[in-house]
Amino acid sequence: MVYIQRAHYVGDYKIRIIFDSGEEGVVDLCRFIKKHPKAEPLLDKNHFSQFYLDEWPTLVWPCGFDVAPEMLYEMVTGKAPSWFNSGMVHETQVAYTGSHE
């Protein structure tokens, strides 16, 4: 698993993330929050700056919007977490037919 140790507001829509692996970087979430209607309150930079880490730790805002640590890790480092491709995650593709068998 990927864990966020610390997150600091940098300015605009940017947050410096420090992971338990020691890797760190700044992520710009401007485009990301503009894509999600639930994040609309975060377009106000004052609201955006009021994030916190919950118990998982996930980056969360008081409006209920959150961003998973795995997604932030990929955004910051450009690579998927090592466990993501290790066989611990199984994806199933099932075509939806509309029937309830």
Protein backbone atom coordinates (compact mmCIF):
# COMPACT_ATOMS: atom_id res chain seq x y z
CA MET A 1 0.00 0.00 0.00
CA VAL A 2 0.97 3.61 -0.49
CA TYR A 3 0.64 5.93 2.47
CA ILE A 4 0.78 9.68 2.58
CA GLN A 5 2.93 10.85 5.48
CA ARG A 6 2.39 14.56 4.98
CA ALA A 7 0.62 16.94 2.66
CA HIS A 8 1.24 20.70 2.54
CA TYR A 9 -0.63 23.36 0.62
CA VAL A 10 1.77 25.10 -1.79
CA GLY A 11 -0.56 27.60 -3.47
CA ASP A 12 -3.14 27.78 -6.25
CA TYR A 13 -4.30 24.14 -6.60
CA LYS A 14 -0.94 22.60 -5.72
CA ILE A 15 -0.12 20.30 -2.82
CA ARG A 16 3.26 18.86 -1.83
CA ILE A 17 2.81 15.18 -0.99
CA ILE A 18 5.33 13.12 0.98
CA PHE A 19 4.84 9.34 0.83
CA ASP A 20 5.99 6.67 3.26
CA SER A 21 8.45 5.47 0.58
CA GLY A 22 10.33 8.77 0.89
CA GLU A 23 9.18 9.87 -2.54
CA GLU A 24 7.65 13.30 -2.73
CA GLY A 25 6.54 15.94 -5.15
CA VAL A 26 4.00 18.59 -5.95
CA VAL A 27 0.72 17.70 -7.58
CA ASP A 28 -1.42 20.30 -9.36
CA LEU A 29 -5.06 19.28 -8.95
CA CYS A 30 -6.62 22.16 -10.91
CA ARG A 31 -7.74 20.13 -13.94
CA PHE A 32 -8.66 17.17 -11.75
CA ILE A 33 -11.10 19.09 -9.55
CA LYS A 34 -12.63 20.85 -12.56
CA LYS A 35 -13.67 17.42 -13.93
CA HIS A 36 -15.68 16.43 -10.85
CA PRO A 37 -18.94 18.21 -9.95
CA LYS A 38 -18.58 17.25 -6.27
CA ALA A 39 -15.32 19.24 -6.18
CA GLU A 40 -16.93 22.48 -7.36
CA PRO A 41 -16.55 24.18 -3.93
CA LEU A 42 -12.80 23.62 -4.24
CA LEU A 43 -12.55 26.03 -7.14
CA ASP A 44 -12.44 28.61 -4.36
CA LYS A 45 -8.77 28.41 -3.38
CA ASN A 46 -9.62 29.15 0.25
CA HIS A 47 -11.77 25.99 0.34
CA PHE A 48 -9.17 24.04 -1.61
CA SER A 49 -6.49 24.84 0.98
CA GLN A 50 -8.60 23.30 3.79
CA PHE A 51 -7.81 19.64 3.05
CA TYR A 52 -6.77 17.11 5.66
CA LEU A 53 -5.63 13.50 5.81
CA ASP A 54 -8.18 11.04 7.13
CA GLU A 55 -7.41 7.73 8.87
CA TRP A 56 -6.52 5.83 5.64
CA PRO A 57 -4.74 8.42 4.96
CA THR A 58 -6.66 9.88 2.06
CA LEU A 59 -6.61 13.54 1.05
CA VAL A 60 -10.09 14.84 1.98
CA TRP A 61 -11.91 18.17 1.93
CA PRO A 62 -14.82 19.25 4.16
CA CYS A 63 -17.17 19.20 1.12
CA GLY A 64 -16.70 15.40 1.00
CA PHE A 65 -14.41 15.26 -2.03
CA ASP A 66 -11.31 13.06 -1.69
CA VAL A 67 -8.39 11.75 -3.70
CA ALA A 68 -6.95 8.30 -2.99
CA PRO A 69 -3.27 7.97 -2.05
CA GLU A 70 -2.65 5.59 -4.96
CA MET A 71 -3.91 8.15 -7.46
CA LEU A 72 -1.82 10.90 -5.91
CA TYR A 73 1.24 8.63 -5.94
CA GLU A 74 0.82 8.03 -9.65
CA MET A 75 0.24 11.73 -10.31
CA VAL A 76 3.36 12.73 -8.36
CA THR A 77 5.77 9.99 -9.43
CA GLY A 78 4.40 9.00 -12.84
CA LYS A 79 4.29 5.34 -11.85
CA ALA A 80 1.70 3.02 -10.39
CA PRO A 81 2.28 1.75 -6.84
CA SER A 82 4.37 -1.46 -6.87
CA TRP A 83 1.55 -3.56 -5.40
CA PHE A 84 -0.84 -2.42 -8.14
CA ASN A 85 0.72 -4.73 -10.73
CA SER A 86 1.74 -7.48 -8.33
CA GLY A 87 -1.32 -9.70 -8.71
CA MET A 88 -2.89 -8.37 -5.52
CA VAL A 89 -5.40 -6.46 -7.64
CA HIS A 90 -7.66 -8.47 -9.89
CA GLU A 91 -9.72 -6.78 -12.55
CA THR A 92 -12.75 -8.47 -14.00
CA GLN A 93 -14.36 -7.29 -17.18
CA VAL A 94 -17.97 -8.40 -17.45
CA ALA A 95 -20.22 -7.12 -20.17
CA TYR A 96 -23.44 -5.67 -18.81
CA THR A 97 -26.41 -7.27 -20.50
CA GLY A 98 -29.14 -5.71 -18.43
CA SER A 99 -30.43 -9.07 -17.21
CA HIS A 100 -30.44 -10.20 -13.60
CA GLU A 101 -29.61 -13.87 -13.73
